[in-house]
Amino acid sequence: MYYTYVLFSEKDKMMYTGYTKDLRERFRKHQKGEIKSTANRRPLILIYFESCLNQKDA
């Protein structure tokens, strides 16, 4: 199972879209600043996600 997700940055009021196989771990990494593309955009809120059967669909 893969997940497509959308994060909202409270800092710059922009959204970030991504996909992952482990949503909890990926969001934890975003929150800790371990993801380069969102490290300077924290705090982040998970505003949407959906599950997909495979990576291509995500």
PDB file of N, CA and C in Angstrom:
ATOM      1  N   MET A   1       0.837  -1.173   0.000  1.00  0.00           N
ATOM      2  CA  MET A   1       0.000   0.000   0.000  1.00  0.00           C
ATOM      3  C   MET A   1       0.888   1.244   0.000  1.00  0.00           C
ATOM      4  N   TYR A   2       0.534   2.222  -0.816  1.00  0.00           N
ATOM      5  CA  TYR A   2       1.213   3.511  -0.855  1.00  0.00           C
ATOM      6  C   TYR A   2       0.214   4.595  -0.485  1.00  0.00           C
ATOM      7  N   TYR A   3       0.737   5.737  -0.059  1.00  0.00           N
ATOM      8  CA  TYR A   3      -0.115   6.847   0.345  1.00  0.00           C
ATOM      9  C   TYR A   3       0.308   8.118  -0.373  1.00  0.00           C
ATOM     10  N   THR A   4      -0.653   8.831  -0.895  1.00  0.00           N
ATOM     11  CA  THR A   4      -0.453  10.182  -1.393  1.00  0.00           C
ATOM     12  C   THR A   4      -0.899  11.104  -0.271  1.00  0.00           C
ATOM     13  N   TYR A   5      -0.133  12.150  -0.014  1.00  0.00           N
ATOM     14  CA  TYR A   5      -0.475  13.021   1.104  1.00  0.00           C
ATOM     15  C   TYR A   5      -0.214  14.486   0.767  1.00  0.00           C
ATOM     16  N   VAL A   6      -0.890  15.366   1.493  1.00  0.00           N
ATOM     17  CA  VAL A   6      -0.718  16.805   1.342  1.00  0.00           C
ATOM     18  C   VAL A   6      -0.438  17.401   2.719  1.00  0.00           C
ATOM     19  N   LEU A   7       0.626  18.185   2.779  1.00  0.00           N
ATOM     20  CA  LEU A   7       0.981  18.903   4.005  1.00  0.00           C
ATOM     21  C   LEU A   7       0.746  20.392   3.783  1.00  0.00           C
ATOM     22  N   PHE A   8       0.357  21.078   4.841  1.00  0.00           N
ATOM     23  CA  PHE A   8       0.196  22.528   4.805  1.00  0.00           C
ATOM     24  C   PHE A   8       1.232  23.140   5.729  1.00  0.00           C
ATOM     25  N   SER A   9       1.975  24.100   5.202  1.00  0.00           N
ATOM     26  CA  SER A   9       2.993  24.794   5.990  1.00  0.00           C
ATOM     27  C   SER A   9       2.368  25.998   6.679  1.00  0.00           C
ATOM     28  N   GLU A  10       2.411  26.003   7.996  1.00  0.00           N
ATOM     29  CA  GLU A  10       1.920  27.168   8.737  1.00  0.00           C
ATOM     30  C   GLU A  10       2.876  28.352   8.598  1.00  0.00           C
ATOM     31  N   LYS A  11       4.097  28.090   8.211  1.00  0.00           N
ATOM     32  CA  LYS A  11       5.091  29.151   8.070  1.00  0.00           C
ATOM     33  C   LYS A  11       4.871  29.966   6.798  1.00  0.00           C
ATOM     34  N   ASP A  12       4.798  29.285   5.651  1.00  0.00           N
ATOM     35  CA  ASP A  12       4.670  30.021   4.384  1.00  0.00           C
ATOM     36  C   ASP A  12       3.295  29.880   3.724  1.00  0.00           C
ATOM     37  N   LYS A  13       2.378  29.183   4.385  1.00  0.00           N
ATOM     38  CA  LYS A  13       0.986  29.021   3.919  1.00  0.00           C
ATOM     39  C   LYS A  13       0.890  28.320   2.563  1.00  0.00           C
ATOM     40  N   MET A  14       1.884  27.494   2.256  1.00  0.00           N
ATOM     41  CA  MET A  14       1.903  26.734   1.001  1.00  0.00           C
ATOM     42  C   MET A  14       1.661  25.259   1.305  1.00  0.00           C
ATOM     43  N   MET A  15       1.308  24.510   0.252  1.00  0.00           N
ATOM     44  CA  MET A  15       1.083  23.075   0.399  1.00  0.00           C
ATOM     45  C   MET A  15       2.214  22.290  -0.255  1.00  0.00           C
ATOM     46  N   TYR A  16       2.427  21.095   0.243  1.00  0.00           N
ATOM     47  CA  TYR A  16       3.425  20.163  -0.271  1.00  0.00           C
ATOM     48  C   TYR A  16       2.722  18.829  -0.481  1.00  0.00           C
ATOM     49  N   THR A  17       2.923  18.228  -1.640  1.00  0.00           N
ATOM     50  CA  THR A  17       2.329  16.929  -1.946  1.00  0.00           C
ATOM     51  C   THR A  17       3.437  15.896  -2.110  1.00  0.00           C
ATOM     52  N   GLY A  18       3.216  14.713  -1.566  1.00  0.00           N
ATOM     53  CA  GLY A  18       4.197  13.645  -1.691  1.00  0.00           C
ATOM     54  C   GLY A  18       3.522  12.291  -1.649  1.00  0.00           C
ATOM     55  N   TYR A  19       4.331  11.249  -1.764  1.00  0.00           N
ATOM     56  CA  TYR A  19       3.814   9.888  -1.618  1.00  0.00           C
ATOM     57  C   TYR A  19       4.843   9.048  -0.893  1.00  0.00           C
ATOM     58  N   THR A  20       4.367   8.001  -0.236  1.00  0.00           N
ATOM     59  CA  THR A  20       5.244   7.162   0.568  1.00  0.00           C
ATOM     60  C   THR A  20       4.587   5.814   0.828  1.00  0.00           C
ATOM     61  N   LYS A  21       5.384   4.885   1.243  1.00  0.00           N
ATOM     62  CA  LYS A  21       4.867   3.573   1.628  1.00  0.00           C
ATOM     63  C   LYS A  21       4.540   3.536   3.123  1.00  0.00           C
ATOM     64  N   ASP A  22       5.192   4.390   3.914  1.00  0.00           N
ATOM     65  CA  ASP A  22       4.988   4.427   5.364  1.00  0.00           C
ATOM     66  C   ASP A  22       4.641   5.867   5.763  1.00  0.00           C
ATOM     67  N   LEU A  23       3.372   6.172   5.821  1.00  0.00           N
ATOM     68  CA  LEU A  23       2.911   7.543   6.057  1.00  0.00           C
ATOM     69  C   LEU A  23       3.328   8.057   7.434  1.00  0.00           C
ATOM     70  N   ARG A  24       3.191   7.248   8.458  1.00  0.00           N
ATOM     71  CA  ARG A  24       3.559   7.700   9.813  1.00  0.00           C
ATOM     72  C   ARG A  24       5.034   8.083   9.897  1.00  0.00           C
ATOM     73  N   GLU A  25       5.893   7.235   9.360  1.00  0.00           N
ATOM     74  CA  GLU A  25       7.334   7.498   9.419  1.00  0.00           C
ATOM     75  C   GLU A  25       7.691   8.713   8.568  1.00  0.00           C
ATOM     76  N   ARG A  26       7.107   8.821   7.401  1.00  0.00           N
ATOM     77  CA  ARG A  26       7.400   9.958   6.526  1.00  0.00           C
ATOM     78  C   ARG A  26       6.975  11.271   7.178  1.00  0.00           C
ATOM     79  N   PHE A  27       5.786  11.302   7.791  1.00  0.00           N
ATOM     80  CA  PHE A  27       5.327  12.517   8.452  1.00  0.00           C
ATOM     81  C   PHE A  27       6.220  12.857   9.644  1.00  0.00           C
ATOM     82  N   ARG A  28       6.658  11.846  10.383  1.00  0.00           N
ATOM     83  CA  ARG A  28       7.587  12.068  11.491  1.00  0.00           C
ATOM     84  C   ARG A  28       8.861  12.732  10.991  1.00  0.00           C
ATOM     85  N   LYS A  29       9.375  12.268   9.865  1.00  0.00           N
ATOM     86  CA  LYS A  29      10.595  12.853   9.294  1.00  0.00           C
ATOM     87  C   LYS A  29      10.359  14.298   8.853  1.00  0.00           C
ATOM     88  N   HIS A  30       9.199  14.574   8.268  1.00  0.00           N
ATOM     89  CA  HIS A  30       8.864  15.955   7.908  1.00  0.00           C
ATOM     90  C   HIS A  30       8.852  16.828   9.165  1.00  0.00           C
ATOM     91  N   GLN A  31       8.221  16.362  10.225  1.00  0.00           N
ATOM     92  CA  GLN A  31       8.104  17.134  11.464  1.00  0.00           C
ATOM     93  C   GLN A  31       9.461  17.411  12.113  1.00  0.00           C
ATOM     94  N   LYS A  32      10.398  16.480  11.974  1.00  0.00           N
ATOM     95  CA  LYS A  32      11.724  16.636  12.582  1.00  0.00           C
ATOM     96  C   LYS A  32      12.688  17.416  11.693  1.00  0.00           C
ATOM     97  N   GLY A  33      12.269  17.789  10.486  1.00  0.00           N
ATOM     98  CA  GLY A  33      13.135  18.542   9.584  1.00  0.00           C
ATOM     99  C   GLY A  33      14.113  17.681   8.812  1.00  0.00           C
ATOM    100  N   GLU A  34      13.850  16.388   8.714  1.00  0.00           N
ATOM    101  CA  GLU A  34      14.759  15.466   8.032  1.00  0.00           C
ATOM    102  C   GLU A  34      14.506  15.381   6.521  1.00  0.00           C
ATOM    103  N   ILE A  35      13.451  16.006   6.049  1.00  0.00           N
ATOM    104  CA  ILE A  35      13.143  16.022   4.620  1.00  0.00           C
ATOM    105  C   ILE A  35      13.540  17.394   4.077  1.00  0.00           C
ATOM    106  N   LYS A  36      14.507  17.412   3.178  1.00  0.00           N
ATOM    107  CA  LYS A  36      15.105  18.657   2.695  1.00  0.00           C
ATOM    108  C   LYS A  36      14.065  19.637   2.136  1.00  0.00           C
ATOM    109  N   SER A  37      13.099  19.133   1.384  1.00  0.00           N
ATOM    110  CA  SER A  37      12.141  20.016   0.716  1.00  0.00           C
ATOM    111  C   SER A  37      11.183  20.732   1.663  1.00  0.00           C
ATOM    112  N   THR A  38      11.028  20.235   2.883  1.00  0.00           N
ATOM    113  CA  THR A  38      10.116  20.879   3.832  1.00  0.00           C
ATOM    114  C   THR A  38      10.788  21.295   5.138  1.00  0.00           C
ATOM    115  N   ALA A  39      12.064  21.084   5.259  1.00  0.00           N
ATOM    116  CA  ALA A  39      12.767  21.361   6.522  1.00  0.00           C
ATOM    117  C   ALA A  39      12.608  22.810   6.969  1.00  0.00           C
ATOM    118  N   ASN A  40      12.618  23.748   6.048  1.00  0.00           N
ATOM    119  CA  ASN A  40      12.508  25.172   6.399  1.00  0.00           C
ATOM    120  C   ASN A  40      11.078  25.680   6.339  1.00  0.00           C
ATOM    121  N   ARG A  41      10.122  24.780   6.177  1.00  0.00           N
ATOM    122  CA  ARG A  41       8.722  25.178   6.046  1.00  0.00           C
ATOM    123  C   ARG A  41       7.887  24.751   7.248  1.00  0.00           C
ATOM    124  N   ARG A  42       8.516  24.255   8.285  1.00  0.00           N
ATOM    125  CA  ARG A  42       7.813  23.792   9.476  1.00  0.00           C
ATOM    126  C   ARG A  42       7.302  24.960  10.292  1.00  0.00           C
ATOM    127  N   PRO A  43       6.225  24.785  11.032  1.00  0.00           N
ATOM    128  CA  PRO A  43       5.477  23.555  11.305  1.00  0.00           C
ATOM    129  C   PRO A  43       4.550  23.177  10.149  1.00  0.00           C
ATOM    130  N   LEU A  44       4.337  21.870  10.032  1.00  0.00           N
ATOM    131  CA  LEU A  44       3.521  21.304   8.961  1.00  0.00           C
ATOM    132  C   LEU A  44       2.316  20.575   9.543  1.00  0.00           C
ATOM    133  N   ILE A  45       1.224  20.633   8.817  1.00  0.00           N
ATOM    134  CA  ILE A  45       0.007  19.931   9.207  1.00  0.00           C
ATOM    135  C   ILE A  45      -0.368  18.978   8.083  1.00  0.00           C
ATOM    136  N   LEU A  46      -0.634  17.737   8.427  1.00  0.00           N
ATOM    137  CA  LEU A  46      -1.122  16.768   7.450  1.00  0.00           C
ATOM    138  C   LEU A  46      -2.604  17.065   7.230  1.00  0.00           C
ATOM    139  N   ILE A  47      -2.953  17.555   6.030  1.00  0.00           N
ATOM    140  CA  ILE A  47      -4.340  17.954   5.783  1.00  0.00           C
ATOM    141  C   ILE A  47      -5.112  16.949   4.932  1.00  0.00           C
ATOM    142  N   TYR A  48      -4.391  16.027   4.259  1.00  0.00           N
ATOM    143  CA  TYR A  48      -5.088  15.068   3.409  1.00  0.00           C
ATOM    144  C   TYR A  48      -4.176  13.889   3.131  1.00  0.00           C
ATOM    145  N   PHE A  49      -4.753  12.701   3.043  1.00  0.00           N
ATOM    146  CA  PHE A  49      -4.025  11.540   2.535  1.00  0.00           C
ATOM    147  C   PHE A  49      -5.023  10.546   1.973  1.00  0.00           C
ATOM    148  N   GLU A  50      -4.554   9.744   1.050  1.00  0.00           N
ATOM    149  CA  GLU A  50      -5.368   8.646   0.520  1.00  0.00           C
ATOM    150  C   GLU A  50      -4.463   7.463   0.240  1.00  0.00           C
ATOM    151  N   SER A  51      -5.018   6.278   0.376  1.00  0.00           N
ATOM    152  CA  SER A  51      -4.239   5.064   0.144  1.00  0.00           C
ATOM    153  C   SER A  51      -4.407   4.617  -1.306  1.00  0.00           C
ATOM    154  N   CYS A  52      -3.347   4.038  -1.837  1.00  0.00           N
ATOM    155  CA  CYS A  52      -3.317   3.538  -3.211  1.00  0.00           C
ATOM    156  C   CYS A  52      -2.753   2.131  -3.194  1.00  0.00           C
ATOM    157  N   LEU A  53      -3.162   1.322  -4.123  1.00  0.00           N
ATOM    158  CA  LEU A  53      -2.712  -0.066  -4.153  1.00  0.00           C
ATOM    159  C   LEU A  53      -1.272  -0.226  -4.599  1.00  0.00           C
ATOM    160  N   ASN A  54      -0.751   0.739  -5.391  1.00  0.00           N
ATOM    161  CA  ASN A  54       0.627   0.613  -5.849  1.00  0.00           C
ATOM    162  C   ASN A  54       1.247   1.990  -6.023  1.00  0.00           C
ATOM    163  N   GLN A  55       2.547   2.009  -6.220  1.00  0.00           N
ATOM    164  CA  GLN A  55       3.309   3.255  -6.331  1.00  0.00           C
ATOM    165  C   GLN A  55       2.862   4.066  -7.540  1.00  0.00           C
ATOM    166  N   LYS A  56       2.578   3.418  -8.636  1.00  0.00           N
ATOM    167  CA  LYS A  56       2.156   4.124  -9.851  1.00  0.00           C
ATOM    168  C   LYS A  56       0.870   4.928  -9.598  1.00  0.00           C
ATOM    169  N   ASP A  57      -0.065   4.360  -8.886  1.00  0.00           N
ATOM    170  CA  ASP A  57      -1.310   5.066  -8.597  1.00  0.00           C
ATOM    171  C   ASP A  57      -1.106   6.228  -7.626  1.00  0.00           C
ATOM    172  N   ALA A  58      -0.166   6.068  -6.717  1.00  0.00           N
ATOM    173  CA  ALA A  58       0.118   7.133  -5.748  1.00  0.00           C
ATOM    174  C   ALA A  58       0.745   8.315  -6.434  1.00  0.00           C
TER     175      ALA A  58
END
